[in-house]
Structures are given as C-alpha cells and as structure tokens.
Amino acid sequence: MGTDWSPVGQIYWYTLESTNPAFDVMEKKSLEDWTLEKSFKGVNGVVDVSSFGGPTKEYQIKLDRRSWSPTG
C-alpha cells in the first residue's frame, strides 16, 4: 500500500452475506450498488468505491413509437 493520496492508497475489502432467502445474489449486489456504495462515498476521506461480483440488475424499457408524437 502506498500513501493515502497515491493510486493504491488504503484498500478495504468486505463481504456482504445474508442467511435470509429473500436476499439472493442479485438483491445483495443491488443493495451494495445503490445503498452501501453511496454511503461509503459520503464518508470523509473516501475517494472511490469499486465493487465487483454478482449479477447487476438490468432494467429495459420498450417504447411504442406508434403512440408517440413530437408535439405531445
């Protein structure tokens, strides 16, 4: 590890685990991406948070162009 202001700075690892069956791998990844990561970035001195592992939830929107008009 280098100094706090170097590219390697201080690195912390953690694992998010749950015995609750309602929290599958994708739910835990979503919790990490949308809640924990934002909270960690709000801590004074934290520059960046990089997460990895688990599938990322994807939302797709299908537009019906037949019902769309540029004038509203």
Protein backbone atom coordinates (compact mmCIF):
# COMPACT_ATOMS: atom_id res chain seq x y z
CA MET A 1 0.00 0.00 0.00
CA GLY A 2 1.12 3.49 -0.75
CA THR A 3 0.23 6.81 0.77
CA ASP A 4 -3.43 7.79 1.11
CA TRP A 5 -3.19 10.06 -1.93
CA SER A 6 -1.48 7.53 -4.22
CA PRO A 7 -3.35 5.32 -6.71
CA VAL A 8 -3.13 2.38 -4.30
CA GLY A 9 -3.96 4.32 -1.11
CA GLN A 10 -5.72 2.35 1.60
CA ILE A 11 -7.79 -0.57 0.37
CA TYR A 12 -10.50 -2.28 2.42
CA TRP A 13 -12.29 -5.48 1.44
CA TYR A 14 -15.64 -6.66 2.77
CA THR A 15 -18.15 -9.38 2.02
CA LEU A 16 -21.91 -8.89 2.09
CA GLU A 17 -23.64 -12.02 3.37
CA SER A 18 -27.20 -12.90 4.36
CA THR A 19 -28.97 -16.03 5.56
CA ASN A 20 -32.33 -14.52 4.57
CA PRO A 21 -33.55 -16.32 1.41
CA ALA A 22 -35.24 -13.09 0.26
CA PHE A 23 -31.77 -11.69 -0.46
CA ASP A 24 -30.40 -13.63 -3.38
CA VAL A 25 -27.11 -12.73 -5.06
CA MET A 26 -28.70 -10.08 -7.29
CA GLU A 27 -30.52 -8.42 -4.37
CA LYS A 28 -27.29 -8.24 -2.38
CA LYS A 29 -25.48 -6.73 -5.38
CA SER A 30 -28.25 -4.13 -5.76
CA LEU A 31 -28.02 -3.30 -2.05
CA GLU A 32 -24.27 -2.83 -2.39
CA ASP A 33 -24.53 -0.72 -5.59
CA TRP A 34 -27.37 1.58 -4.53
CA THR A 35 -27.05 1.83 -0.74
CA LEU A 36 -23.68 0.82 0.66
CA GLU A 37 -21.55 2.31 -2.12
CA LYS A 38 -23.30 5.68 -1.85
CA SER A 39 -22.94 5.63 1.94
CA PHE A 40 -19.24 4.78 1.76
CA LYS A 41 -18.61 7.61 -0.71
CA GLY A 42 -20.21 10.01 1.78
CA VAL A 43 -17.52 9.24 4.37
CA ASN A 44 -14.88 11.96 4.70
CA GLY A 45 -11.64 10.82 3.05
CA VAL A 46 -13.18 8.11 0.86
CA VAL A 47 -12.30 8.91 -2.74
CA ASP A 48 -13.77 5.97 -4.62
CA VAL A 49 -15.58 2.68 -4.09
CA SER A 50 -15.20 -0.17 -6.56
CA SER A 51 -17.44 -3.19 -6.25
CA PHE A 52 -17.26 -6.47 -8.10
CA GLY A 53 -19.03 -9.79 -8.18
CA GLY A 54 -22.64 -10.74 -8.54
CA PRO A 55 -25.05 -10.07 -11.39
CA THR A 56 -26.17 -6.50 -11.96
CA LYS A 57 -29.90 -5.84 -12.12
CA GLU A 58 -30.91 -4.53 -15.52
CA TYR A 59 -33.99 -2.56 -16.45
CA GLN A 60 -35.18 -2.45 -20.04
CA ILE A 61 -37.73 -0.07 -21.48
CA LYS A 62 -39.56 -0.88 -24.67
CA LEU A 63 -41.06 2.19 -26.34
CA ASP A 64 -44.13 2.03 -28.51
CA ARG A 65 -43.26 4.53 -31.23
CA ARG A 66 -46.73 4.27 -32.77
CA SER A 67 -48.26 6.14 -29.83
CA TRP A 68 -45.54 8.81 -29.63
CA SER A 69 -45.74 12.19 -31.32
CA PRO A 70 -43.21 15.06 -31.10
CA THR A 71 -45.94 17.57 -30.22
CA GLY A 72 -47.08 15.64 -27.17
